[in-house]
Amino acid sequence: MAERKRREKINRGFIELSTVIPGLKKMDKATILSDAVRYVKEQQEKLKELEDRNVRSANSVVLVKRPCIATKPYGATTTGSSLPEIEARISESTVMLKIHCEDGKGVLVKLLAEVEGLHLSITHTNVIPFPSCTVNITIMAKVDEGFDIVPEDIVGKLGAALH
């Protein structure tokens, strides 16, 4: 009697398992088990891809120079410049750059050339000048096919271009 209940429970388990496996053609136990293993492995791979994509989309770097206090002769103090401030965020193949820097002749052209030199195709640019001789620049770009870049590299190259 106990053996019959055990077999019925196993058979119900196989029937239930066969209902959740897509594309199952045969209903014998060996096929159900092998297709179930294949399906679980496929789902694990998809989960890993999604987790990897999620980790990459959270990838960002911000370069902010902190103001420094410089002492002048005769005890007078002034605050040094904290610019440029550069923020880079990457989500899949989309890159967002926010740059706050001193405004000067050719700053925007220099930055755009540097961005394109990093194999980024610019899709949108927004520039807001401020009366205090600074400018806020936002750049949206796509990473060119076949190239891979990290936010640290972008921030480093743009920071070097602004000095």
C-alpha atoms as a PDB file:
ATOM      1  CA  MET A   1       0.000   0.000   0.000  1.00  0.00           C
ATOM      2  CA  ALA A   2       2.783   2.492   0.916  1.00  0.00           C
ATOM      3  CA  GLU A   3       4.703   1.581  -2.248  1.00  0.00           C
ATOM      4  CA  ARG A   4       1.670   2.332  -4.420  1.00  0.00           C
ATOM      5  CA  LYS A   5       1.217   5.773  -2.792  1.00  0.00           C
ATOM      6  CA  ARG A   6       4.915   6.507  -3.325  1.00  0.00           C
ATOM      7  CA  ARG A   7       4.685   5.576  -7.052  1.00  0.00           C
ATOM      8  CA  GLU A   8       1.520   7.655  -7.477  1.00  0.00           C
ATOM      9  CA  LYS A   9       3.241  10.618  -5.825  1.00  0.00           C
ATOM     10  CA  ILE A  10       6.250  10.231  -8.169  1.00  0.00           C
ATOM     11  CA  ASN A  11       3.956   9.982 -11.209  1.00  0.00           C
ATOM     12  CA  ARG A  12       2.053  13.123 -10.137  1.00  0.00           C
ATOM     13  CA  GLY A  13       5.422  14.877  -9.782  1.00  0.00           C
ATOM     14  CA  PHE A  14       6.393  13.879 -13.348  1.00  0.00           C
ATOM     15  CA  ILE A  15       3.028  15.074 -14.681  1.00  0.00           C
ATOM     16  CA  GLU A  16       3.375  18.393 -12.853  1.00  0.00           C
ATOM     17  CA  LEU A  17       6.981  18.776 -14.058  1.00  0.00           C
ATOM     18  CA  SER A  18       5.931  18.083 -17.657  1.00  0.00           C
ATOM     19  CA  THR A  19       3.420  20.967 -17.518  1.00  0.00           C
ATOM     20  CA  VAL A  20       6.089  23.590 -16.743  1.00  0.00           C
ATOM     21  CA  ILE A  21       8.649  22.542 -19.373  1.00  0.00           C
ATOM     22  CA  PRO A  22       8.047  24.369 -22.677  1.00  0.00           C
ATOM     23  CA  GLY A  23       8.353  22.397 -25.920  1.00  0.00           C
ATOM     24  CA  LEU A  24       8.146  18.955 -24.314  1.00  0.00           C
ATOM     25  CA  LYS A  25       7.410  16.425 -27.068  1.00  0.00           C
ATOM     26  CA  LYS A  26       7.578  13.039 -25.349  1.00  0.00           C
ATOM     27  CA  MET A  27       5.989  12.158 -22.041  1.00  0.00           C
ATOM     28  CA  ASP A  28       8.282   9.341 -20.882  1.00  0.00           C
ATOM     29  CA  LYS A  29      10.114   9.908 -17.586  1.00  0.00           C
ATOM     30  CA  ALA A  30      13.624   9.973 -19.082  1.00  0.00           C
ATOM     31  CA  THR A  31      12.663  12.699 -21.588  1.00  0.00           C
ATOM     32  CA  ILE A  32      10.856  14.727 -18.931  1.00  0.00           C
ATOM     33  CA  LEU A  33      13.933  14.630 -16.675  1.00  0.00           C
ATOM     34  CA  SER A  34      16.463  15.449 -19.405  1.00  0.00           C
ATOM     35  CA  ASP A  35      14.322  18.307 -20.779  1.00  0.00           C
ATOM     36  CA  ALA A  36      13.788  19.631 -17.254  1.00  0.00           C
ATOM     37  CA  VAL A  37      17.564  19.707 -16.668  1.00  0.00           C
ATOM     38  CA  ARG A  38      18.101  21.490 -20.004  1.00  0.00           C
ATOM     39  CA  TYR A  39      15.371  24.036 -19.215  1.00  0.00           C
ATOM     40  CA  VAL A  40      16.743  24.786 -15.728  1.00  0.00           C
ATOM     41  CA  LYS A  41      20.234  25.335 -17.176  1.00  0.00           C
ATOM     42  CA  GLU A  42      18.829  27.730 -19.797  1.00  0.00           C
ATOM     43  CA  GLN A  43      17.024  29.679 -17.087  1.00  0.00           C
ATOM     44  CA  GLN A  44      20.204  29.860 -14.999  1.00  0.00           C
ATOM     45  CA  GLU A  45      22.119  31.294 -17.983  1.00  0.00           C
ATOM     46  CA  LYS A  46      19.405  33.897 -18.589  1.00  0.00           C
ATOM     47  CA  LEU A  47      19.485  34.862 -14.915  1.00  0.00           C
ATOM     48  CA  LYS A  48      23.280  35.249 -15.015  1.00  0.00           C
ATOM     49  CA  GLU A  49      23.024  37.486 -18.130  1.00  0.00           C
ATOM     50  CA  LEU A  50      20.417  39.673 -16.433  1.00  0.00           C
ATOM     51  CA  GLU A  51      22.510  39.942 -13.268  1.00  0.00           C
ATOM     52  CA  ASP A  52      25.594  40.869 -15.326  1.00  0.00           C
ATOM     53  CA  ARG A  53      23.605  43.496 -17.208  1.00  0.00           C
ATOM     54  CA  ASN A  54      22.246  44.858 -13.935  1.00  0.00           C
ATOM     55  CA  VAL A  55      25.757  45.136 -12.459  1.00  0.00           C
ATOM     56  CA  ARG A  56      27.019  46.938 -15.564  1.00  0.00           C
ATOM     57  CA  SER A  57      24.108  49.358 -15.575  1.00  0.00           C
ATOM     58  CA  ALA A  58      24.999  50.483 -12.081  1.00  0.00           C
ATOM     59  CA  ASN A  59      28.539  51.309 -13.150  1.00  0.00           C
ATOM     60  CA  SER A  60      29.389  54.986 -12.605  1.00  0.00           C
ATOM     61  CA  VAL A  61      32.278  57.183 -11.529  1.00  0.00           C
ATOM     62  CA  VAL A  62      32.383  60.750 -10.341  1.00  0.00           C
ATOM     63  CA  LEU A  63      35.539  62.875 -10.261  1.00  0.00           C
ATOM     64  CA  VAL A  64      35.190  65.825  -7.936  1.00  0.00           C
ATOM     65  CA  LYS A  65      38.180  67.842  -6.825  1.00  0.00           C
ATOM     66  CA  ARG A  66      37.605  69.146  -3.342  1.00  0.00           C
ATOM     67  CA  PRO A  67      38.218  72.835  -2.754  1.00  0.00           C
ATOM     68  CA  CYS A  68      41.564  73.503  -1.162  1.00  0.00           C
ATOM     69  CA  ILE A  69      42.552  76.422   1.030  1.00  0.00           C
ATOM     70  CA  ALA A  70      45.661  78.219  -0.145  1.00  0.00           C
ATOM     71  CA  THR A  71      47.422  80.699   2.099  1.00  0.00           C
ATOM     72  CA  LYS A  72      48.570  83.963   0.532  1.00  0.00           C
ATOM     73  CA  PRO A  73      51.226  86.175   1.987  1.00  0.00           C
ATOM     74  CA  TYR A  74      50.134  88.382   4.871  1.00  0.00           C
ATOM     75  CA  GLY A  75      47.673  85.742   6.158  1.00  0.00           C
ATOM     76  CA  ALA A  76      44.928  86.217   3.529  1.00  0.00           C
ATOM     77  CA  THR A  77      43.232  82.954   2.432  1.00  0.00           C
ATOM     78  CA  THR A  78      41.449  82.020  -0.767  1.00  0.00           C
ATOM     79  CA  THR A  79      39.574  78.930  -1.837  1.00  0.00           C
ATOM     80  CA  GLY A  80      41.109  77.086  -4.779  1.00  0.00           C
ATOM     81  CA  SER A  81      39.007  75.895  -7.720  1.00  0.00           C
ATOM     82  CA  SER A  82      37.202  72.570  -7.327  1.00  0.00           C
ATOM     83  CA  LEU A  83      36.634  72.268 -11.066  1.00  0.00           C
ATOM     84  CA  PRO A  84      36.321  70.231 -13.197  1.00  0.00           C
ATOM     85  CA  GLU A  85      33.644  67.950 -11.800  1.00  0.00           C
ATOM     86  CA  ILE A  86      33.088  64.977 -14.104  1.00  0.00           C
ATOM     87  CA  GLU A  87      30.487  62.235 -13.724  1.00  0.00           C
ATOM     88  CA  ALA A  88      30.230  59.224 -16.044  1.00  0.00           C
ATOM     89  CA  ARG A  89      27.467  56.622 -15.940  1.00  0.00           C
ATOM     90  CA  ILE A  90      27.130  53.602 -18.214  1.00  0.00           C
ATOM     91  CA  SER A  91      23.962  51.572 -18.690  1.00  0.00           C
ATOM     92  CA  GLU A  92      24.380  48.784 -21.227  1.00  0.00           C
ATOM     93  CA  SER A  93      25.706  50.679 -24.265  1.00  0.00           C
ATOM     94  CA  THR A  94      24.450  54.139 -23.246  1.00  0.00           C
ATOM     95  CA  VAL A  95      26.825  56.614 -21.615  1.00  0.00           C
ATOM     96  CA  MET A  96      25.791  59.762 -19.731  1.00  0.00           C
ATOM     97  CA  LEU A  97      28.422  62.369 -18.955  1.00  0.00           C
ATOM     98  CA  LYS A  98      27.931  65.405 -16.717  1.00  0.00           C
ATOM     99  CA  ILE A  99      30.749  67.922 -16.677  1.00  0.00           C
ATOM    100  CA  HIS A 100      30.942  71.147 -14.690  1.00  0.00           C
ATOM    101  CA  CYS A 101      34.061  73.065 -15.638  1.00  0.00           C
ATOM    102  CA  GLU A 102      35.514  76.492 -16.206  1.00  0.00           C
ATOM    103  CA  ASP A 103      34.309  78.078 -19.421  1.00  0.00           C
ATOM    104  CA  GLY A 104      36.977  78.930 -21.915  1.00  0.00           C
ATOM    105  CA  LYS A 105      37.621  79.140 -25.601  1.00  0.00           C
ATOM    106  CA  GLY A 106      37.243  75.720 -27.247  1.00  0.00           C
ATOM    107  CA  VAL A 107      36.274  73.783 -24.089  1.00  0.00           C
ATOM    108  CA  LEU A 108      33.207  72.203 -25.659  1.00  0.00           C
ATOM    109  CA  VAL A 109      35.000  71.324 -28.903  1.00  0.00           C
ATOM    110  CA  LYS A 110      37.872  69.783 -26.946  1.00  0.00           C
ATOM    111  CA  LEU A 111      35.481  67.673 -24.833  1.00  0.00           C
ATOM    112  CA  LEU A 112      33.421  66.491 -27.801  1.00  0.00           C
ATOM    113  CA  ALA A 113      36.562  65.493 -29.710  1.00  0.00           C
ATOM    114  CA  GLU A 114      37.821  63.585 -26.666  1.00  0.00           C
ATOM    115  CA  VAL A 115      34.465  61.784 -26.280  1.00  0.00           C
ATOM    116  CA  GLU A 116      34.470  60.727 -29.928  1.00  0.00           C
ATOM    117  CA  GLY A 117      38.087  59.590 -29.533  1.00  0.00           C
ATOM    118  CA  LEU A 118      36.873  57.141 -26.861  1.00  0.00           C
ATOM    119  CA  HIS A 119      34.723  55.340 -29.500  1.00  0.00           C
ATOM    120  CA  LEU A 120      31.534  56.954 -28.225  1.00  0.00           C
ATOM    121  CA  SER A 121      28.918  58.187 -30.705  1.00  0.00           C
ATOM    122  CA  ILE A 122      27.339  61.370 -29.335  1.00  0.00           C
ATOM    123  CA  THR A 123      23.538  61.323 -29.469  1.00  0.00           C
ATOM    124  CA  HIS A 124      22.704  64.452 -27.437  1.00  0.00           C
ATOM    125  CA  THR A 125      24.534  67.421 -25.944  1.00  0.00           C
ATOM    126  CA  ASN A 126      23.265  70.087 -23.571  1.00  0.00           C
ATOM    127  CA  VAL A 127      25.370  73.107 -22.559  1.00  0.00           C
ATOM    128  CA  ILE A 128      24.403  75.601 -19.866  1.00  0.00           C
ATOM    129  CA  PRO A 129      26.780  78.541 -19.327  1.00  0.00           C
ATOM    130  CA  PHE A 130      26.844  80.316 -15.962  1.00  0.00           C
ATOM    131  CA  PRO A 131      27.747  83.954 -15.300  1.00  0.00           C
ATOM    132  CA  SER A 132      30.614  82.871 -13.029  1.00  0.00           C
ATOM    133  CA  CYS A 133      32.614  81.756 -16.115  1.00  0.00           C
ATOM    134  CA  THR A 134      31.681  78.088 -15.634  1.00  0.00           C
ATOM    135  CA  VAL A 135      29.649  75.765 -17.821  1.00  0.00           C
ATOM    136  CA  ASN A 136      27.544  72.645 -17.227  1.00  0.00           C
ATOM    137  CA  ILE A 137      27.771  70.139 -20.074  1.00  0.00           C
ATOM    138  CA  THR A 138      25.654  66.996 -20.365  1.00  0.00           C
ATOM    139  CA  ILE A 139      26.522  64.500 -23.086  1.00  0.00           C
ATOM    140  CA  MET A 140      24.597  61.363 -24.019  1.00  0.00           C
ATOM    141  CA  ALA A 141      26.433  58.837 -26.184  1.00  0.00           C
ATOM    142  CA  LYS A 142      26.413  55.223 -27.343  1.00  0.00           C
ATOM    143  CA  VAL A 143      29.438  52.954 -27.091  1.00  0.00           C
ATOM    144  CA  ASP A 144      30.538  52.007 -30.613  1.00  0.00           C
ATOM    145  CA  GLU A 145      30.013  48.360 -31.523  1.00  0.00           C
ATOM    146  CA  GLY A 146      32.980  46.151 -30.687  1.00  0.00           C
ATOM    147  CA  PHE A 147      34.358  48.531 -28.051  1.00  0.00           C
ATOM    148  CA  ASP A 148      34.150  48.302 -24.268  1.00  0.00           C
ATOM    149  CA  ILE A 149      34.865  51.140 -21.848  1.00  0.00           C
ATOM    150  CA  VAL A 150      34.569  51.733 -18.122  1.00  0.00           C
ATOM    151  CA  PRO A 151      33.553  54.998 -16.441  1.00  0.00           C
ATOM    152  CA  GLU A 152      36.981  55.395 -14.822  1.00  0.00           C
ATOM    153  CA  ASP A 153      38.645  55.580 -18.261  1.00  0.00           C
ATOM    154  CA  ILE A 154      36.154  58.172 -19.494  1.00  0.00           C
ATOM    155  CA  VAL A 155      36.572  60.367 -16.423  1.00  0.00           C
ATOM    156  CA  GLY A 156      40.360  60.097 -16.591  1.00  0.00           C
ATOM    157  CA  LYS A 157      40.585  61.057 -20.281  1.00  0.00           C
ATOM    158  CA  LEU A 158      38.141  63.980 -19.954  1.00  0.00           C
ATOM    159  CA  GLY A 159      39.876  65.220 -16.810  1.00  0.00           C
ATOM    160  CA  ALA A 160      43.226  65.158 -18.615  1.00  0.00           C
ATOM    161  CA  ALA A 161      41.728  67.015 -21.600  1.00  0.00           C
ATOM    162  CA  LEU A 162      40.480  69.819 -19.360  1.00  0.00           C
ATOM    163  CA  HIS A 163      43.877  70.485 -17.740  1.00  0.00           C
END
